N, C-alpha and C. Protein backbone atom coordinates (compact mmCIF):
# COMPACT_ATOMS: atom_id res chain seq x y z
N UNK A 1 -12.94 51.69 -175.26
CA UNK A 1 -11.71 52.26 -174.73
C UNK A 1 -11.15 53.23 -175.78
N UNK A 2 -10.77 54.42 -175.33
CA UNK A 2 -10.29 55.40 -176.29
C UNK A 2 -8.76 55.32 -176.47
N UNK A 3 -8.24 56.08 -177.39
CA UNK A 3 -6.83 56.03 -177.77
C UNK A 3 -5.92 56.43 -176.61
N UNK A 4 -6.32 57.41 -175.83
CA UNK A 4 -5.49 57.88 -174.72
C UNK A 4 -5.28 56.77 -173.69
N UNK A 5 -6.33 56.02 -173.40
CA UNK A 5 -6.22 54.92 -172.44
C UNK A 5 -5.32 53.80 -172.99
N UNK A 6 -5.40 53.52 -174.28
CA UNK A 6 -4.55 52.49 -174.88
C UNK A 6 -3.09 52.92 -174.82
N UNK A 7 -2.80 54.19 -175.11
CA UNK A 7 -1.43 54.70 -175.02
C UNK A 7 -0.93 54.60 -173.58
N UNK A 8 -1.80 54.89 -172.61
CA UNK A 8 -1.44 54.76 -171.20
C UNK A 8 -1.05 53.34 -170.84
N UNK A 9 -1.82 52.36 -171.31
CA UNK A 9 -1.52 50.95 -171.03
C UNK A 9 -0.19 50.56 -171.67
N UNK A 10 0.04 50.99 -172.91
CA UNK A 10 1.30 50.67 -173.60
C UNK A 10 2.49 51.26 -172.84
N UNK A 11 2.36 52.50 -172.36
CA UNK A 11 3.45 53.13 -171.61
C UNK A 11 3.72 52.39 -170.30
N UNK A 12 2.68 51.95 -169.61
CA UNK A 12 2.86 51.21 -168.37
C UNK A 12 3.59 49.89 -168.64
N UNK A 13 3.15 49.16 -169.66
CA UNK A 13 3.78 47.88 -169.99
C UNK A 13 5.25 48.10 -170.39
N UNK A 14 5.52 49.12 -171.21
CA UNK A 14 6.90 49.40 -171.62
C UNK A 14 7.77 49.78 -170.41
N UNK A 15 7.21 50.56 -169.50
CA UNK A 15 7.96 50.94 -168.30
C UNK A 15 8.28 49.76 -167.41
N UNK A 16 7.31 48.87 -167.23
CA UNK A 16 7.54 47.68 -166.40
C UNK A 16 8.59 46.79 -167.06
N UNK A 17 8.49 46.58 -168.37
CA UNK A 17 9.49 45.77 -169.08
C UNK A 17 10.88 46.40 -168.98
N UNK A 18 10.94 47.73 -169.08
CA UNK A 18 12.22 48.42 -168.96
C UNK A 18 12.83 48.25 -167.57
N UNK A 19 12.00 48.27 -166.55
CA UNK A 19 12.51 48.08 -165.19
C UNK A 19 12.92 46.63 -164.92
N UNK A 20 12.16 45.68 -165.46
CA UNK A 20 12.45 44.27 -165.21
C UNK A 20 13.71 43.83 -165.95
N UNK A 21 13.81 44.14 -167.24
CA UNK A 21 14.94 43.67 -168.03
C UNK A 21 16.14 44.62 -167.98
N UNK A 22 15.93 45.90 -168.00
CA UNK A 22 17.01 46.87 -167.87
C UNK A 22 17.85 47.08 -169.12
N UNK A 23 17.77 46.20 -170.08
CA UNK A 23 18.54 46.33 -171.32
C UNK A 23 17.94 45.44 -172.39
N UNK A 24 18.29 45.73 -173.64
CA UNK A 24 17.94 44.82 -174.72
C UNK A 24 19.09 44.78 -175.71
N UNK A 25 19.20 43.64 -176.40
CA UNK A 25 20.31 43.40 -177.32
C UNK A 25 19.75 43.14 -178.71
N UNK A 26 20.42 43.70 -179.70
CA UNK A 26 20.04 43.43 -181.09
C UNK A 26 21.31 43.20 -181.90
N UNK A 27 21.18 42.54 -183.06
CA UNK A 27 22.31 42.22 -183.93
C UNK A 27 22.27 43.14 -185.15
N UNK A 28 23.45 43.67 -185.49
CA UNK A 28 23.55 44.62 -186.59
C UNK A 28 24.61 44.13 -187.58
N UNK A 29 24.26 44.12 -188.89
CA UNK A 29 25.24 43.79 -189.93
C UNK A 29 26.13 45.01 -190.16
N UNK A 30 27.45 44.83 -190.05
CA UNK A 30 28.34 45.97 -190.25
C UNK A 30 29.10 45.89 -191.57
N UNK A 31 29.61 44.71 -191.92
CA UNK A 31 30.40 44.58 -193.15
C UNK A 31 29.99 43.31 -193.90
N UNK A 32 29.89 43.43 -195.21
CA UNK A 32 29.64 42.27 -196.05
C UNK A 32 30.62 42.32 -197.21
N UNK A 33 31.36 41.23 -197.39
CA UNK A 33 32.33 41.15 -198.47
C UNK A 33 31.96 39.96 -199.35
N UNK A 34 31.92 40.18 -200.68
CA UNK A 34 31.57 39.12 -201.62
C UNK A 34 32.84 38.73 -202.37
N UNK A 35 33.35 37.52 -202.12
CA UNK A 35 34.55 37.00 -202.78
C UNK A 35 34.17 35.89 -203.74
N UNK A 36 33.85 36.25 -204.94
CA UNK A 36 33.45 35.26 -205.94
C UNK A 36 32.15 34.60 -205.53
N UNK A 37 32.21 33.32 -205.18
CA UNK A 37 31.01 32.57 -204.78
C UNK A 37 30.80 32.58 -203.28
N UNK A 38 31.76 33.11 -202.53
CA UNK A 38 31.63 33.11 -201.06
C UNK A 38 31.32 34.52 -200.58
N UNK A 39 30.55 34.56 -199.57
CA UNK A 39 30.19 35.86 -198.99
C UNK A 39 30.56 35.85 -197.51
N UNK A 40 31.26 36.89 -197.09
CA UNK A 40 31.65 37.00 -195.69
C UNK A 40 30.94 38.22 -195.10
N UNK A 41 30.30 38.00 -193.98
CA UNK A 41 29.62 39.12 -193.32
C UNK A 41 30.02 39.16 -191.85
N UNK A 42 30.05 40.36 -191.34
CA UNK A 42 30.38 40.57 -189.94
C UNK A 42 29.13 41.12 -189.25
N UNK A 43 28.75 40.45 -188.18
CA UNK A 43 27.59 40.89 -187.41
C UNK A 43 28.05 41.26 -186.02
N UNK A 44 27.56 42.39 -185.55
CA UNK A 44 27.92 42.84 -184.21
C UNK A 44 26.67 42.89 -183.34
N UNK A 45 26.85 42.48 -182.09
CA UNK A 45 25.74 42.58 -181.14
C UNK A 45 25.84 43.92 -180.42
N UNK A 46 24.74 44.62 -180.40
CA UNK A 46 24.67 45.91 -179.70
C UNK A 46 23.73 45.75 -178.50
N UNK A 47 24.13 46.31 -177.38
CA UNK A 47 23.30 46.28 -176.18
C UNK A 47 22.95 47.70 -175.79
N UNK A 48 21.65 47.92 -175.55
CA UNK A 48 21.17 49.24 -175.14
C UNK A 48 20.68 49.14 -173.70
N UNK A 49 21.25 49.98 -172.84
CA UNK A 49 20.83 50.03 -171.44
C UNK A 49 19.61 50.95 -171.31
N UNK A 50 18.61 50.53 -170.57
CA UNK A 50 17.43 51.35 -170.33
C UNK A 50 17.55 51.93 -168.92
N UNK A 51 17.63 53.26 -168.82
CA UNK A 51 17.77 53.86 -167.49
C UNK A 51 16.54 53.60 -166.61
N UNK A 52 16.77 53.49 -165.32
CA UNK A 52 15.67 53.26 -164.38
C UNK A 52 14.68 54.42 -164.42
N UNK A 53 15.19 55.64 -164.53
CA UNK A 53 14.31 56.81 -164.54
C UNK A 53 13.36 56.79 -165.73
N UNK A 54 13.81 56.22 -166.87
CA UNK A 54 12.95 56.16 -168.06
C UNK A 54 11.77 55.21 -167.82
N UNK A 55 12.03 54.09 -167.15
CA UNK A 55 10.96 53.15 -166.83
C UNK A 55 9.96 53.74 -165.85
N UNK A 56 10.48 54.44 -164.84
CA UNK A 56 9.61 55.05 -163.82
C UNK A 56 8.74 56.15 -164.44
N UNK A 57 9.34 57.00 -165.27
CA UNK A 57 8.59 58.08 -165.92
C UNK A 57 7.54 57.50 -166.87
N UNK A 58 7.90 56.44 -167.58
CA UNK A 58 6.95 55.81 -168.50
C UNK A 58 5.74 55.27 -167.73
N UNK A 59 5.98 54.64 -166.59
CA UNK A 59 4.88 54.11 -165.78
C UNK A 59 4.03 55.26 -165.24
N UNK A 60 4.67 56.32 -164.77
CA UNK A 60 3.93 57.46 -164.20
C UNK A 60 3.05 58.13 -165.25
N UNK A 61 3.60 58.39 -166.43
CA UNK A 61 2.82 59.03 -167.50
C UNK A 61 1.69 58.11 -167.95
N UNK A 62 1.96 56.81 -168.03
CA UNK A 62 0.92 55.86 -168.40
C UNK A 62 -0.22 55.84 -167.40
N UNK A 63 0.11 55.91 -166.10
CA UNK A 63 -0.94 55.94 -165.07
C UNK A 63 -1.76 57.22 -165.16
N UNK A 64 -1.10 58.34 -165.41
CA UNK A 64 -1.83 59.60 -165.55
C UNK A 64 -2.79 59.52 -166.73
N UNK A 65 -2.32 59.02 -167.86
CA UNK A 65 -3.18 58.91 -169.04
C UNK A 65 -4.32 57.92 -168.82
N UNK A 66 -4.07 56.90 -168.04
CA UNK A 66 -5.08 55.87 -167.81
C UNK A 66 -6.17 56.34 -166.85
N UNK A 67 -5.80 57.16 -165.87
CA UNK A 67 -6.75 57.50 -164.82
C UNK A 67 -7.30 58.92 -164.87
N UNK A 68 -6.92 59.72 -165.86
CA UNK A 68 -7.51 61.06 -165.95
C UNK A 68 -8.93 60.94 -166.48
N UNK A 69 -9.83 61.74 -165.95
CA UNK A 69 -11.21 61.67 -166.45
C UNK A 69 -11.30 62.29 -167.83
N UNK A 70 -12.21 61.77 -168.62
CA UNK A 70 -12.40 62.28 -169.98
C UNK A 70 -13.31 63.50 -169.90
N UNK A 71 -12.95 64.55 -170.61
CA UNK A 71 -13.77 65.76 -170.62
C UNK A 71 -15.00 65.55 -171.48
N UNK A 72 -16.09 66.11 -171.02
CA UNK A 72 -17.33 66.06 -171.80
C UNK A 72 -17.48 67.36 -172.55
N UNK A 73 -18.01 67.28 -173.75
CA UNK A 73 -18.28 68.49 -174.53
C UNK A 73 -19.45 69.21 -173.88
N UNK A 74 -19.45 70.51 -173.98
CA UNK A 74 -20.56 71.26 -173.39
C UNK A 74 -21.06 72.29 -174.38
N UNK A 75 -22.25 72.77 -174.13
CA UNK A 75 -22.81 73.80 -174.98
C UNK A 75 -23.24 74.95 -174.09
N UNK A 76 -23.31 76.11 -174.66
CA UNK A 76 -23.71 77.30 -173.92
C UNK A 76 -25.21 77.46 -174.05
N UNK A 77 -25.88 77.61 -172.92
CA UNK A 77 -27.34 77.72 -172.93
C UNK A 77 -27.75 79.08 -172.36
N UNK A 78 -28.68 79.71 -173.00
CA UNK A 78 -29.21 80.99 -172.52
C UNK A 78 -30.38 80.70 -171.60
N UNK A 79 -30.31 81.21 -170.37
CA UNK A 79 -31.40 80.99 -169.41
C UNK A 79 -32.43 82.09 -169.54
N UNK A 80 -33.55 81.95 -168.83
CA UNK A 80 -34.66 82.89 -168.92
C UNK A 80 -34.27 84.30 -168.46
N UNK A 81 -33.35 84.39 -167.50
CA UNK A 81 -32.96 85.71 -167.00
C UNK A 81 -31.84 86.35 -167.83
N UNK A 82 -31.47 85.75 -168.95
CA UNK A 82 -30.49 86.35 -169.85
C UNK A 82 -29.05 85.96 -169.57
N UNK A 83 -28.81 85.11 -168.55
CA UNK A 83 -27.45 84.67 -168.27
C UNK A 83 -27.15 83.40 -169.06
N UNK A 84 -25.88 83.05 -169.11
CA UNK A 84 -25.45 81.87 -169.84
C UNK A 84 -24.95 80.83 -168.84
N UNK A 85 -25.10 79.58 -169.20
CA UNK A 85 -24.52 78.51 -168.39
C UNK A 85 -24.15 77.36 -169.32
N UNK A 86 -23.14 76.58 -168.89
CA UNK A 86 -22.71 75.43 -169.68
C UNK A 86 -23.52 74.22 -169.31
N UNK A 87 -23.95 73.47 -170.30
CA UNK A 87 -24.67 72.22 -170.08
C UNK A 87 -23.99 71.15 -170.91
N UNK A 88 -23.93 69.91 -170.40
CA UNK A 88 -23.32 68.84 -171.19
C UNK A 88 -24.14 68.55 -172.44
N UNK A 89 -23.42 68.27 -173.53
CA UNK A 89 -24.11 67.87 -174.76
C UNK A 89 -24.51 66.42 -174.66
N UNK A 90 -25.67 66.09 -175.13
CA UNK A 90 -26.09 64.69 -175.13
C UNK A 90 -26.06 64.19 -176.56
N UNK A 91 -25.81 62.91 -176.70
CA UNK A 91 -25.74 62.30 -178.03
C UNK A 91 -27.15 62.20 -178.61
N UNK A 92 -28.10 61.81 -177.79
CA UNK A 92 -29.47 61.68 -178.27
C UNK A 92 -30.26 62.91 -177.88
N UNK A 93 -31.15 63.32 -178.73
CA UNK A 93 -31.95 64.50 -178.47
C UNK A 93 -33.29 64.08 -177.89
N UNK A 94 -33.74 64.81 -176.87
CA UNK A 94 -35.02 64.52 -176.27
C UNK A 94 -36.14 65.33 -176.93
N UNK A 95 -35.78 66.23 -177.81
CA UNK A 95 -36.76 67.06 -178.48
C UNK A 95 -36.81 66.67 -179.94
N UNK A 96 -37.96 66.85 -180.52
CA UNK A 96 -38.06 66.61 -181.96
C UNK A 96 -37.46 67.81 -182.69
N UNK A 97 -37.25 67.66 -183.96
CA UNK A 97 -36.67 68.73 -184.76
C UNK A 97 -37.55 69.97 -184.75
N UNK A 98 -38.87 69.77 -184.80
CA UNK A 98 -39.76 70.93 -184.83
C UNK A 98 -39.72 71.67 -183.49
N UNK A 99 -39.59 70.95 -182.36
CA UNK A 99 -39.47 71.61 -181.06
C UNK A 99 -38.16 72.40 -180.98
N UNK A 100 -37.09 71.82 -181.49
CA UNK A 100 -35.80 72.51 -181.47
C UNK A 100 -35.86 73.77 -182.32
N UNK A 101 -36.53 73.68 -183.49
CA UNK A 101 -36.65 74.83 -184.36
C UNK A 101 -37.49 75.92 -183.71
N UNK A 102 -38.57 75.54 -183.01
CA UNK A 102 -39.38 76.52 -182.30
C UNK A 102 -38.58 77.19 -181.19
N UNK A 103 -37.80 76.40 -180.46
CA UNK A 103 -36.99 76.97 -179.38
C UNK A 103 -35.97 77.94 -179.95
N UNK A 104 -35.33 77.56 -181.05
CA UNK A 104 -34.35 78.43 -181.67
C UNK A 104 -35.00 79.72 -182.16
N UNK A 105 -36.16 79.59 -182.80
CA UNK A 105 -36.86 80.77 -183.32
C UNK A 105 -37.27 81.71 -182.20
N UNK A 106 -37.80 81.16 -181.11
CA UNK A 106 -38.21 82.02 -180.00
C UNK A 106 -37.00 82.67 -179.33
N UNK A 107 -35.90 81.95 -179.22
CA UNK A 107 -34.68 82.51 -178.64
C UNK A 107 -34.14 83.61 -179.55
N UNK A 108 -34.19 83.38 -180.84
CA UNK A 108 -33.73 84.38 -181.80
C UNK A 108 -34.58 85.64 -181.70
N UNK A 109 -35.89 85.46 -181.56
CA UNK A 109 -36.79 86.60 -181.42
C UNK A 109 -36.52 87.37 -180.13
N UNK A 110 -36.27 86.65 -179.03
CA UNK A 110 -35.95 87.30 -177.76
C UNK A 110 -34.68 88.13 -177.87
N UNK A 111 -33.66 87.56 -178.51
CA UNK A 111 -32.40 88.28 -178.64
C UNK A 111 -32.55 89.50 -179.54
N UNK A 112 -33.35 89.39 -180.57
CA UNK A 112 -33.54 90.50 -181.49
C UNK A 112 -34.32 91.64 -180.81
N UNK A 113 -35.28 91.29 -179.98
CA UNK A 113 -36.15 92.28 -179.35
C UNK A 113 -35.79 92.53 -177.89
N UNK A 114 -34.57 92.23 -177.48
CA UNK A 114 -34.21 92.35 -176.08
C UNK A 114 -34.23 93.81 -175.58
N UNK A 115 -34.13 94.78 -176.48
CA UNK A 115 -34.17 96.18 -176.03
C UNK A 115 -35.56 96.56 -175.53
N UNK A 116 -36.61 95.80 -175.89
CA UNK A 116 -37.97 96.09 -175.40
C UNK A 116 -38.14 95.73 -173.93
N UNK A 117 -37.28 94.82 -173.41
CA UNK A 117 -37.42 94.35 -172.05
C UNK A 117 -36.69 95.22 -171.04
N UNK A 118 -35.89 96.13 -171.48
CA UNK A 118 -35.07 96.94 -170.57
C UNK A 118 -35.86 98.04 -169.93
C-alpha cells in the first residue's frame, strides 16, 4: 500500500469521527501561582466544534485518494517507421545487457544515418 492510499484512509477515518462526535474537548493550563510550598493552578476546558462540511470534505478527499488509479511510468520508444509511442516501463528486463546495448547501438546508428533513408 502506498502513501497516498494511507493518507486517504486517515482522511476517511478522521471525517467519520468528525461527523460522529462533532466536537472534542481538551484541558489547558492558564495560570499557575507558587505561594511558598503551595502551588495553585487554573485549568480551563476548551471545546472545539467540528463543522459538518469539514467531515464531509475529509471523507470525499479520502475516497478520491483511495480510489484513484496509480499512474505507471512510461518510456518513449522509437518504432521502425520513425514514429514514437509510449510504452510502460517494466521493473524486470526481458533482454540481457548485451541485447540492450546492441539495440541502443543500432538505434543510434539509424538516427545518425537517417538522412540516407530519405
